[in-house]
Protein backbone atom coordinates (compact mmCIF):
# COMPACT_ATOMS: atom_id res chain seq x y z
CA UNK A 1 0.00 0.00 0.00
CA UNK A 2 1.41 3.38 -1.00
CA UNK A 3 0.64 6.28 1.30
CA UNK A 4 -0.65 9.45 -0.33
CA UNK A 5 -0.57 8.14 -3.89
CA UNK A 6 -1.24 10.66 -6.63
CA UNK A 7 -3.53 8.42 -8.67
CA UNK A 8 -6.98 7.50 -7.48
CA UNK A 9 -8.53 5.23 -9.73
CA UNK A 10 7.60 11.85 -29.31
CA UNK A 11 9.75 12.98 -26.81
CA UNK A 12 12.71 14.77 -28.35
CA UNK A 13 10.93 18.06 -29.12
CA UNK A 14 11.47 20.71 -26.44
CA UNK A 15 8.22 22.16 -25.12
CA UNK A 16 8.34 25.69 -23.70
CA UNK A 17 5.49 26.88 -21.51
CA UNK A 18 4.98 29.87 -19.26
CA UNK A 19 2.57 29.44 -16.38
CA UNK A 20 0.20 31.97 -14.82
CA UNK A 21 -1.11 31.46 -11.34
CA UNK A 22 -3.13 34.62 -10.85
CA UNK A 23 -6.36 32.79 -9.94
CA UNK A 24 -4.93 30.12 -7.65
CA UNK A 25 -6.93 28.77 -4.74
CA UNK A 26 -5.59 30.48 -1.63
CA UNK A 27 -4.75 28.47 1.47
CA UNK A 28 -7.18 28.77 4.42
CA UNK A 29 -7.37 32.18 6.11
CA UNK A 30 -4.75 32.75 8.76
CA UNK A 31 -1.99 30.84 6.95
CA UNK A 32 -0.77 33.62 4.66
CA UNK A 33 -1.61 37.27 4.28
CA UNK A 34 -3.10 38.12 0.87
CA UNK A 35 -1.37 41.50 0.86
CA UNK A 36 2.01 42.27 -0.63
CA UNK A 37 1.75 39.55 -3.26
CA UNK A 38 4.91 38.84 -5.21
CA UNK A 39 4.81 38.31 -8.98
CA UNK A 40 6.89 35.58 -10.63
CA UNK A 41 7.36 34.80 -14.31
CA UNK A 42 8.30 31.24 -15.18
CA UNK A 43 9.38 29.63 -18.40
CA UNK A 44 8.69 25.92 -18.02
CA UNK A 45 10.63 23.57 -20.27
CA UNK A 46 10.47 19.83 -20.85
CA UNK A 47 11.60 17.31 -23.41
CA UNK A 48 8.08 15.83 -23.20
CA UNK A 49 4.66 17.18 -24.24
CA UNK A 50 2.83 19.21 -21.59
CA UNK A 51 -0.96 19.03 -21.47
CA UNK A 52 -1.66 20.66 -18.11
CA UNK A 53 0.30 22.10 -15.19
CA UNK A 54 -0.50 21.97 -11.47
CA UNK A 55 1.29 24.59 -9.39
CA UNK A 56 1.66 24.35 -5.61
CA UNK A 57 3.15 27.28 -3.68
CA UNK A 58 4.53 26.45 -0.23
CA UNK A 59 5.86 28.78 2.44
CA UNK A 60 9.48 28.16 3.40
CA UNK A 61 8.78 29.14 7.00
CA UNK A 62 7.73 26.97 9.93
CA UNK A 63 5.93 23.78 8.92
CA UNK A 64 5.96 24.92 5.25
CA UNK A 65 2.23 25.18 4.71
CA UNK A 66 0.51 25.38 1.33
CA UNK A 67 0.04 29.00 0.27
CA UNK A 68 -1.90 28.44 -2.97
CA UNK A 69 -2.65 25.91 -5.69
CA UNK A 70 -4.11 25.81 -9.19
CA UNK A 71 -4.32 23.65 -12.31
CA UNK A 72 -3.82 25.27 -15.72
CA UNK A 73 -3.81 24.34 -19.33
CA UNK A 74 -0.37 24.87 -20.85
CA UNK A 75 -0.07 28.54 -21.82
CA UNK A 76 2.66 30.75 -23.24
CA UNK A 77 2.27 34.06 -21.44
CA UNK A 78 1.49 33.89 -17.75
CA UNK A 79 2.40 35.25 -14.32
CA UNK A 80 2.61 33.57 -10.93
CA UNK A 81 1.55 35.37 -7.75
CA UNK A 82 2.54 34.33 -4.24
CA UNK A 83 2.16 35.73 -0.74
CA UNK A 84 4.99 37.45 1.16
CA UNK A 85 8.05 35.54 2.34
CA UNK A 86 10.24 32.91 0.73
CA UNK A 87 8.34 30.27 -1.25
CA UNK A 88 8.88 26.91 -2.90
CA UNK A 89 6.97 26.39 -6.14
CA UNK A 90 6.21 22.78 -7.06
CA UNK A 91 5.19 22.13 -10.67
CA UNK A 92 3.47 18.91 -11.70
CA UNK A 93 2.47 18.34 -15.32
CA UNK A 94 0.26 15.77 -17.04
CA UNK A 95 -1.27 14.56 -13.78
CA UNK A 96 -3.81 11.80 -14.58
CA UNK A 97 -7.10 12.47 -12.83
CA UNK A 98 -7.54 14.86 -9.92
CA UNK A 99 -5.30 15.70 -6.97
CA UNK A 100 -6.49 15.53 -3.36
CA UNK A 101 -5.07 18.91 -2.40
CA UNK A 102 -6.47 18.62 1.12
CA UNK A 103 -3.79 15.96 1.72
CA UNK A 104 -1.00 18.23 0.47
CA UNK A 105 -1.29 21.17 2.87
CA UNK A 106 2.35 20.86 3.94
CA UNK A 107 5.52 20.48 1.89
CA UNK A 108 6.48 17.23 3.64
CA UNK A 109 3.22 15.72 2.33
CA UNK A 110 4.15 16.80 -1.18
CA UNK A 111 7.59 15.19 -0.77
CA UNK A 112 5.85 11.91 0.14
CA UNK A 113 3.42 12.07 -2.80
CA UNK A 114 3.93 9.06 -5.06
CA UNK A 115 3.06 8.02 -8.59
CA UNK A 116 2.35 4.52 -9.87
CA UNK A 117 4.04 3.19 -12.98
CA UNK A 118 0.71 1.60 -13.97
CA UNK A 119 -0.83 5.08 -14.42
CA UNK A 120 1.91 6.39 -16.74
CA UNK A 121 1.74 7.06 -20.46
CA UNK A 122 4.59 7.42 -22.94
CA UNK A 123 2.78 10.25 -24.76
CA UNK A 124 1.80 12.14 -21.60
CA UNK A 125 4.20 11.19 -18.79
CA UNK A 126 4.02 12.73 -15.35
CA UNK A 127 6.55 15.58 -15.02
CA UNK A 128 7.77 17.52 -12.01
CA UNK A 129 10.04 20.41 -11.12
CA UNK A 130 10.79 22.82 -8.25
CA UNK A 131 11.64 26.53 -8.12
CA UNK A 132 12.66 28.58 -5.06
CA UNK A 133 11.65 32.24 -4.83
CA UNK A 134 15.15 33.10 -3.57
CA UNK A 135 16.35 32.52 -7.16
CA UNK A 136 14.51 35.66 -8.27
CA UNK A 137 11.16 36.77 -9.73
CA UNK A 138 11.94 35.29 -13.15
CA UNK A 139 13.31 31.87 -13.91
CA UNK A 140 13.22 28.64 -15.85
CA UNK A 141 11.80 25.40 -14.48
CA UNK A 142 12.87 22.12 -16.08
CA UNK A 143 10.11 19.53 -15.76
CA UNK A 144 11.48 15.99 -15.70
CA UNK A 145 9.67 12.67 -16.09
CA UNK A 146 9.97 9.64 -13.86
CA UNK A 147 9.79 7.42 -16.95
CA UNK A 148 13.21 6.48 -18.34
CA UNK A 149 13.35 5.53 -22.05
CA UNK A 150 14.90 2.16 -22.88
CA UNK A 151 15.68 2.43 -26.59
CA UNK A 152 16.06 -1.00 -28.17
CA UNK A 153 18.92 -0.89 -30.65
CA UNK A 154 19.96 -3.97 -32.60
CA UNK A 155 18.56 -7.45 -32.00
CA UNK A 156 20.53 -10.57 -32.96
CA UNK A 157 20.01 -14.28 -32.44
CA UNK A 158 23.16 -16.44 -32.80
CA UNK A 159 21.29 -19.74 -32.36
CA UNK A 160 20.91 -22.05 -35.34
CA UNK A 161 17.18 -21.32 -35.71
CA UNK A 162 15.22 -18.04 -35.85
CA UNK A 163 13.28 -16.81 -32.85
CA UNK A 164 9.83 -16.31 -34.33
CA UNK A 165 7.31 -13.64 -33.28
CA UNK A 166 9.62 -12.21 -30.61
CA UNK A 167 8.24 -9.99 -27.86
CA UNK A 168 10.27 -7.72 -25.59
CA UNK A 169 9.18 -7.04 -22.03
CA UNK A 170 10.63 -5.38 -18.94
CA UNK A 171 10.57 -7.21 -15.60
CA UNK A 172 11.29 -6.02 -12.09
CA UNK A 173 10.02 -2.52 -12.91
CA UNK A 174 9.76 -0.15 -9.96
CA UNK A 175 5.98 -0.09 -9.28
CA UNK A 176 5.76 3.32 -7.57
CA UNK A 177 7.95 6.12 -6.29
CA UNK A 178 7.87 9.62 -4.82
CA UNK A 179 7.31 12.21 -7.52
CA UNK A 180 9.96 14.65 -6.29
CA UNK A 181 12.62 12.03 -5.53
CA UNK A 182 15.83 12.58 -7.48
CA UNK A 183 18.03 9.74 -6.20
CA UNK A 184 18.03 6.62 -4.03
CA UNK A 185 15.50 4.57 -6.03
CA UNK A 186 15.29 1.11 -4.41
CA UNK A 187 11.83 -0.34 -5.13
CA UNK A 188 9.76 -1.94 -2.40
CA UNK A 189 7.41 -3.36 -5.04
CA UNK A 190 8.09 -4.37 -8.64
CA UNK A 191 6.05 -5.33 -11.71
CA UNK A 192 6.69 -8.22 -14.09
CA UNK A 193 3.61 -7.93 -16.33
CA UNK A 194 1.87 -5.12 -18.24
CA UNK A 195 -1.54 -6.30 -17.00
CA UNK A 196 -3.51 -3.34 -15.66
CA UNK A 197 -1.25 -0.68 -17.13
CA UNK A 198 -2.80 2.47 -18.61
CA UNK A 199 -0.30 2.18 -21.48
CA UNK A 200 0.92 -1.45 -21.73
CA UNK A 201 3.29 -0.53 -24.57
CA UNK A 202 5.64 1.21 -22.12
CA UNK A 203 6.51 -2.24 -20.74
CA UNK A 204 5.94 -4.74 -23.58
CA UNK A 205 6.29 -4.53 -27.37
CA UNK A 206 6.34 -7.08 -30.17
CA UNK A 207 9.24 -6.92 -32.60
CA UNK A 208 8.17 -6.49 -36.23
CA UNK A 209 10.59 -9.22 -37.39
CA UNK A 210 11.97 -12.63 -36.42
CA UNK A 211 15.28 -12.57 -34.54
CA UNK A 212 17.98 -14.08 -36.76
CA UNK A 213 21.77 -14.15 -36.98
CA UNK A 214 22.06 -10.76 -38.70
CA UNK A 215 21.60 -7.79 -36.34
CA UNK A 216 18.43 -5.82 -37.07
CA UNK A 217 17.63 -2.36 -35.72
CA UNK A 218 14.48 -2.69 -33.61
CA UNK A 219 13.24 0.91 -33.67
CA UNK A 220 11.12 0.59 -30.52
CA UNK A 221 11.29 2.11 -27.04
CA UNK A 222 10.20 0.75 -23.68
CA UNK A 223 10.01 2.82 -20.48
CA UNK A 224 11.06 2.00 -16.93
CA UNK A 225 10.82 3.81 -13.62
CA UNK A 226 14.18 4.52 -11.98
CA UNK A 227 15.66 1.50 -10.21
CA UNK A 228 19.19 1.94 -8.90
CA UNK A 229 19.53 -1.70 -7.88
CA UNK A 230 22.10 -3.36 -10.12
CA UNK A 231 22.76 -6.60 -8.22
CA UNK A 232 20.07 -9.06 -7.09
CA UNK A 233 22.32 -10.28 -4.28
CA UNK A 234 21.59 -7.06 -2.35
CA UNK A 235 18.05 -8.28 -1.56
CA UNK A 236 16.23 -5.98 -4.00
CA UNK A 237 15.74 -6.81 -7.68
CA UNK A 238 17.21 -4.94 -10.65
CA UNK A 239 15.06 -4.21 -13.67
CA UNK A 240 15.61 -6.76 -16.44
CA UNK A 241 14.66 -7.17 -20.08
CA UNK A 242 13.17 -10.34 -21.55
CA UNK A 243 12.84 -11.59 -25.11
CA UNK A 244 10.27 -14.32 -25.68
CA UNK A 245 9.13 -16.14 -28.82
CA UNK A 246 8.95 -19.49 -30.60
CA UNK A 247 12.15 -21.43 -31.20
CA UNK A 248 11.77 -24.57 -33.31
CA UNK A 249 8.05 -24.53 -32.53
CA UNK A 250 8.43 -24.21 -28.74
CA UNK A 251 7.79 -21.14 -26.59
CA UNK A 252 10.91 -19.87 -24.85
CA UNK A 253 12.14 -16.79 -23.02
CA UNK A 254 15.56 -15.21 -22.50
CA UNK A 255 16.26 -12.66 -19.76
CA UNK A 256 19.11 -10.37 -18.74
CA UNK A 257 19.47 -7.75 -15.98
CA UNK A 258 19.89 -4.09 -16.84
CA UNK A 259 22.32 -1.80 -14.99
CA UNK A 260 21.13 0.70 -12.40
CA UNK A 261 18.63 3.14 -13.88
CA UNK A 262 18.74 6.66 -12.45
CA UNK A 263 16.13 9.35 -12.88
CA UNK A 264 16.72 11.17 -16.14
CA UNK A 265 18.53 8.24 -17.77
CA UNK A 266 17.97 7.24 -21.38
CA UNK A 267 19.45 3.84 -22.24
CA UNK A 268 20.22 2.31 -25.60
CA UNK A 269 20.19 -1.48 -25.31
CA UNK A 270 21.49 -3.88 -27.97
CA UNK A 271 20.33 -7.47 -27.52
CA UNK A 272 21.93 -10.75 -28.59
CA UNK A 273 20.99 -14.35 -27.85
CA UNK A 274 24.40 -16.00 -27.92
CA UNK A 275 25.17 -19.49 -29.22
CA UNK A 276 24.81 -20.85 -25.69
CA UNK A 277 21.25 -19.57 -25.38
CA UNK A 278 22.01 -16.66 -23.04
CA UNK A 279 20.67 -13.15 -23.60
CA UNK A 280 23.51 -10.66 -23.70
CA UNK A 281 22.89 -6.91 -23.39
CA UNK A 282 25.12 -4.02 -24.42
CA UNK A 283 23.96 -0.83 -22.70
CA UNK A 284 24.91 2.77 -23.41
CA UNK A 285 23.61 5.71 -21.36
CA UNK A 286 22.78 8.47 -23.82
């Protein structure tokens, strides 16, 4: 069970968005004076599409209470207003469904807010970023996804028979994690099947060709959540990649562990079933 989970029920193009929070919901009376509002101009960038932006403004004083909140469609020319004092602005983009803001009245609750891999989408991934008012009234916020692209490069099968109708799938995928976490990803729960995923193609894809002795460029991308476990002997499981198909009329599967995956990573993975029937992976961090 994940406490305070966010969900209740072309990625190379740079997207530039500016966000206006002039009509945000104010926090309950007594938390922050509505006089002496400060005005902030943000340029929000991401390497992913942005459909909507949720902005949370927290006070940096005391227990860091929520000052204001609003959800906006992505816009180009906007201003952000905040009450007096130093503030932390939390930006969330492409949030699926609604957010229970009554559970996020303090910054420590926002830090604990988690997202499930099952609710992700490759075309509209959850994005997050933080800006501190001490950096000035104008600034740039880089929104980063939790999803990490696993680009499948070449696929080769050195066995003496083709692997027919091959399918690639990730296993040991981190099932959920805190949205604002930047490091220290050691999953307490992992997924081995795309069943129940909003976008099953982030975890499993069929190859459009049989795997044979000549390397073939796959041209597909899977997506993992960060998982910094690289050795199963530590007690936690690393994320792995599997290739399944029919070999001489029988169903078979080959599996190999991937290296530690950090937030922000993009991996290119070349796959080869060697002559001994083992799946070998060559990984480059792009």
